[in-house]
């Protein structure tokens, strides 16, 4: 299951991670976010122990969205060693997200 990333646990889960991190920026009212949500959950199970996969509710955690300049959702960021190394905007196929994550492993 994808981790719920909040302002309270962001530093620990994302910035201090020794594994690649995938963050899905989403909101409950966002249609395309509902399409990509199950894909993120699948990836969380498939990459358990290899990568940190989480979700940020942009309405609940606006400072995280601002930190990364997320203006459109869904946005999926790929972070390694505290730096954004890749990103995907919009509802994209699972294969595209897997490809971007595999490049960080």
Protein backbone atom coordinates (compact mmCIF):
# COMPACT_ATOMS: atom_id res chain seq x y z
CA UNK A 1 0.00 0.00 0.00
CA UNK A 2 1.28 3.44 -0.88
CA UNK A 3 2.38 5.52 2.09
CA UNK A 4 0.50 8.66 3.01
CA UNK A 5 3.12 11.39 2.87
CA UNK A 6 2.33 14.46 4.95
CA UNK A 7 4.14 17.59 6.04
CA UNK A 8 4.85 15.80 9.36
CA UNK A 9 6.60 12.73 7.86
CA UNK A 10 7.93 14.19 4.59
CA UNK A 11 11.52 14.72 5.76
CA UNK A 12 11.82 11.20 7.16
CA UNK A 13 10.10 9.30 4.33
CA UNK A 14 11.32 11.30 1.33
CA UNK A 15 14.41 13.38 2.02
CA UNK A 16 16.14 10.81 4.26
CA UNK A 17 15.29 7.76 2.14
CA UNK A 18 18.14 5.57 0.93
CA UNK A 19 15.81 4.20 -1.77
CA UNK A 20 14.23 5.92 -4.78
CA UNK A 21 10.97 7.66 -3.88
CA UNK A 22 7.86 7.93 -6.05
CA UNK A 23 5.28 10.51 -4.95
CA UNK A 24 1.82 10.79 -6.45
CA UNK A 25 0.39 14.30 -5.93
CA UNK A 26 -3.40 13.96 -5.99
CA UNK A 27 -6.73 15.27 -4.67
CA UNK A 28 -10.07 13.60 -3.94
CA UNK A 29 -11.90 15.81 -6.48
CA UNK A 30 -9.48 15.07 -9.35
CA UNK A 31 -10.82 12.64 -11.98
CA UNK A 32 -7.49 11.71 -13.61
CA UNK A 33 -6.04 11.16 -10.10
CA UNK A 34 -8.61 8.41 -9.58
CA UNK A 35 -7.34 6.72 -12.75
CA UNK A 36 -3.71 6.72 -11.66
CA UNK A 37 -4.35 5.89 -7.98
CA UNK A 38 -4.75 2.11 -8.46
CA UNK A 39 -1.54 2.04 -10.55
CA UNK A 40 0.38 3.71 -7.71
CA UNK A 41 -1.06 1.16 -5.25
CA UNK A 42 0.01 -1.73 -7.52
CA UNK A 43 3.51 -0.32 -7.81
CA UNK A 44 3.71 0.07 -4.03
CA UNK A 45 3.17 -3.67 -3.68
CA UNK A 46 5.47 -4.63 -6.54
CA UNK A 47 8.36 -2.44 -5.39
CA UNK A 48 8.02 -3.02 -1.63
CA UNK A 49 11.52 -2.99 -0.15
CA UNK A 50 13.06 -1.56 -3.34
CA UNK A 51 11.46 1.89 -3.47
CA UNK A 52 9.33 4.17 -1.31
CA UNK A 53 5.99 4.83 -2.99
CA UNK A 54 3.64 7.35 -1.50
CA UNK A 55 0.84 9.81 -2.11
CA UNK A 56 0.49 13.47 -1.16
CA UNK A 57 -3.00 14.94 -0.89
CA UNK A 58 -2.40 18.44 -2.26
CA UNK A 59 -5.35 19.90 -0.35
CA UNK A 60 -4.07 18.60 3.00
CA UNK A 61 -0.34 19.29 2.39
CA UNK A 62 -0.01 22.43 0.26
CA UNK A 63 3.55 23.21 1.38
CA UNK A 64 4.90 19.99 -0.18
CA UNK A 65 3.23 20.84 -3.49
CA UNK A 66 4.67 24.37 -3.35
CA UNK A 67 8.15 23.06 -2.51
CA UNK A 68 8.20 21.10 -5.78
CA UNK A 69 6.21 23.57 -7.87
CA UNK A 70 3.38 21.10 -8.49
CA UNK A 71 0.66 23.02 -10.32
CA UNK A 72 -1.18 20.25 -12.15
CA UNK A 73 -2.41 16.96 -10.77
CA UNK A 74 -1.88 14.14 -10.96
CA UNK A 75 1.86 14.74 -10.91
CA UNK A 76 4.20 11.87 -10.07
CA UNK A 77 7.70 12.83 -8.94
CA UNK A 78 10.67 10.48 -8.87
CA UNK A 79 13.16 11.47 -6.17
CA UNK A 80 16.59 10.05 -5.48
CA UNK A 81 18.92 11.29 -2.74
CA UNK A 82 16.52 14.16 -2.01
CA UNK A 83 16.57 15.45 -5.61
CA UNK A 84 13.83 15.25 -8.24
CA UNK A 85 15.28 13.14 -11.05
CA UNK A 86 12.17 12.66 -13.17
CA UNK A 87 8.46 13.46 -13.26
CA UNK A 88 5.25 12.61 -15.01
CA UNK A 89 2.20 14.87 -15.31
CA UNK A 90 -1.30 13.64 -16.05
CA UNK A 91 -2.84 10.19 -16.16
CA UNK A 92 -0.18 8.10 -17.89
CA UNK A 93 0.06 4.34 -18.52
CA UNK A 94 1.58 2.18 -15.79
CA UNK A 95 4.42 1.17 -18.12
CA UNK A 96 5.64 4.75 -18.33
CA UNK A 97 5.80 5.09 -14.53
CA UNK A 98 7.49 1.69 -14.13
CA UNK A 99 10.08 2.63 -16.76
CA UNK A 100 10.92 5.87 -14.93
CA UNK A 101 11.21 4.05 -11.58
CA UNK A 102 13.32 1.23 -13.03
CA UNK A 103 15.79 3.83 -14.30
CA UNK A 104 16.35 4.92 -10.66
CA UNK A 105 16.92 1.42 -9.22
